[in-house]
Protein backbone atom coordinates (compact mmCIF):
# COMPACT_ATOMS: atom_id res chain seq x y z
CA MET A 1 -96.56 75.65 122.82
CA THR A 2 -98.90 73.91 125.26
CA ILE A 3 -99.07 75.14 128.83
CA HIS A 4 -100.29 72.59 131.35
CA GLN A 5 -101.65 74.31 134.43
CA GLU A 6 -102.05 72.05 137.45
CA ALA A 7 -104.89 72.65 139.84
CA VAL A 8 -104.59 74.57 143.07
CA ARG A 9 -105.62 72.20 145.86
CA ILE A 10 -107.19 73.06 149.23
CA THR A 11 -107.17 70.57 152.10
CA ARG A 12 -109.40 71.46 155.05
CA TRP A 13 -108.24 70.67 158.60
CA HIS A 14 -109.87 67.53 160.00
CA GLY A 15 -107.47 66.67 162.82
CA SER A 16 -108.78 65.87 166.27
CA GLN A 17 -106.40 68.41 167.81
CA HIS A 18 -106.35 72.17 167.33
CA PRO A 19 -103.92 72.95 164.47
CA THR A 20 -100.75 74.21 166.16
CA PHE A 21 -97.44 75.33 164.69
CA SER A 22 -95.81 72.18 166.10
CA ILE A 23 -98.38 69.77 164.63
CA ILE A 24 -98.38 71.43 161.22
CA THR A 25 -94.59 71.69 160.89
CA ARG A 26 -94.23 68.04 161.96
CA GLU A 27 -96.62 67.01 159.17
CA MET A 28 -94.76 69.15 156.64
CA LYS A 29 -91.39 67.70 157.65
CA LYS A 30 -92.79 64.18 157.15
CA GLU A 31 -93.29 65.22 153.51
CA GLY A 32 -89.66 66.36 153.28
CA LEU A 33 -90.62 70.04 153.35
CA ARG A 34 -88.64 72.78 155.12
CA PRO A 35 -91.34 75.03 156.59
CA TYR A 36 -90.96 78.60 157.77
CA MET A 37 -93.48 80.79 159.56
CA TRP A 38 -94.73 84.26 158.72
CA VAL A 39 -97.07 86.56 160.64
CA ASN A 40 -99.07 89.46 159.25
CA THR A 41 -101.25 92.24 160.52
CA PRO A 42 -104.97 92.45 159.70
CA ASN A 43 -105.98 93.13 156.11
CA ASN A 44 -102.42 93.00 154.73
CA ARG A 45 -102.36 92.31 150.98
CA TYR A 46 -99.79 90.59 148.80
CA GLY A 47 -100.11 91.51 145.14
CA ILE A 48 -100.59 89.05 142.30
CA ARG A 49 -97.46 87.00 141.69
CA SER A 50 -96.23 83.53 140.75
CA HIS A 51 -93.27 81.41 141.75
CA GLY A 52 -90.89 79.02 140.00
CA TYR A 53 -91.65 76.35 142.60
CA ASP A 54 -94.68 74.60 144.03
CA LYS A 55 -95.83 76.26 147.24
CA VAL A 56 -97.47 74.66 150.29
CA LEU A 57 -99.11 76.99 152.81
CA TYR A 58 -100.94 76.20 156.05
CA VAL A 59 -102.85 78.73 158.13
CA VAL A 60 -101.96 78.30 161.81
CA GLU A 61 -104.06 81.17 163.21
CA GLY A 62 -106.47 83.68 161.68
CA THR A 63 -107.75 83.65 158.11
CA VAL A 64 -106.27 84.19 154.66
CA GLU A 65 -107.96 84.63 151.29
CA ILE A 66 -106.14 83.39 148.20
CA SER A 67 -107.19 84.92 144.88
CA LEU A 68 -106.52 83.24 141.55
CA PRO A 69 -107.16 85.94 138.92
CA ASP A 70 -106.58 83.69 135.89
CA MET A 71 -109.26 81.29 137.17
CA ASN A 72 -111.53 84.03 138.56
CA GLN A 73 -111.58 82.29 141.97
CA ARG A 74 -111.13 83.22 145.62
CA MET A 75 -110.59 80.73 148.45
CA SER A 76 -110.88 81.44 152.16
CA LEU A 77 -108.60 79.51 154.50
CA ARG A 78 -108.89 79.20 158.28
CA ALA A 79 -106.71 77.63 160.97
CA GLY A 80 -105.38 74.25 159.85
CA ASP A 81 -106.32 74.62 156.19
CA ARG A 82 -103.69 73.91 153.54
CA VAL A 83 -103.31 75.20 150.00
CA ASP A 84 -100.97 73.72 147.39
CA ILE A 85 -100.15 76.19 144.63
CA PRO A 86 -98.27 74.78 141.61
CA ALA A 87 -95.33 76.67 140.13
CA GLY A 88 -96.35 79.39 137.70
CA VAL A 89 -99.91 79.85 139.03
CA ARG A 90 -100.62 83.55 139.56
CA HIS A 91 -102.10 84.25 142.99
CA GLY A 92 -102.63 87.03 145.50
CA THR A 93 -103.14 86.89 149.25
CA THR A 94 -105.25 88.97 151.63
CA VAL A 95 -104.89 88.49 155.38
CA GLY A 96 -108.13 88.44 157.37
CA GLY A 97 -109.40 91.06 159.80
CA SER A 98 -107.69 89.53 162.84
CA GLY A 99 -104.31 88.94 161.17
CA ALA A 100 -102.76 85.58 160.37
CA LYS A 101 -99.93 83.26 161.25
CA CYS A 102 -98.97 80.88 158.46
CA VAL A 103 -96.39 78.21 157.72
CA GLU A 104 -95.21 77.65 154.19
CA ALA A 105 -92.58 75.79 152.21
CA ALA A 106 -91.28 75.64 148.66
CA VAL A 107 -91.30 72.33 146.82
CA ALA A 108 -88.51 72.10 144.24
CA ARG A 109 -89.46 70.55 140.91
CA HIS A 110 -87.30 67.56 139.99
């Protein structure tokens, strides 16, 4: 059995405006996504997990660190940054020292 693992992709914010909830959700909806927001307190941790769907996450405020244990990588995200995590990729999340507000959506595989 061959397992094809797609790459996790980070897109840094380059917009001329400050990344707001409204701007980010509008962009996500243009892609056909159904975004929802979550807010967390400083230094909150989500354990290592994976999902049966592709995940798109934008940081609206604060910072978030995504860890990819199977690739021995960590990625820091700040306001406006986006991460695309393919289905099945194990990842963990640590919220930064000032908390975070994020918007994410699931992308169903067809």
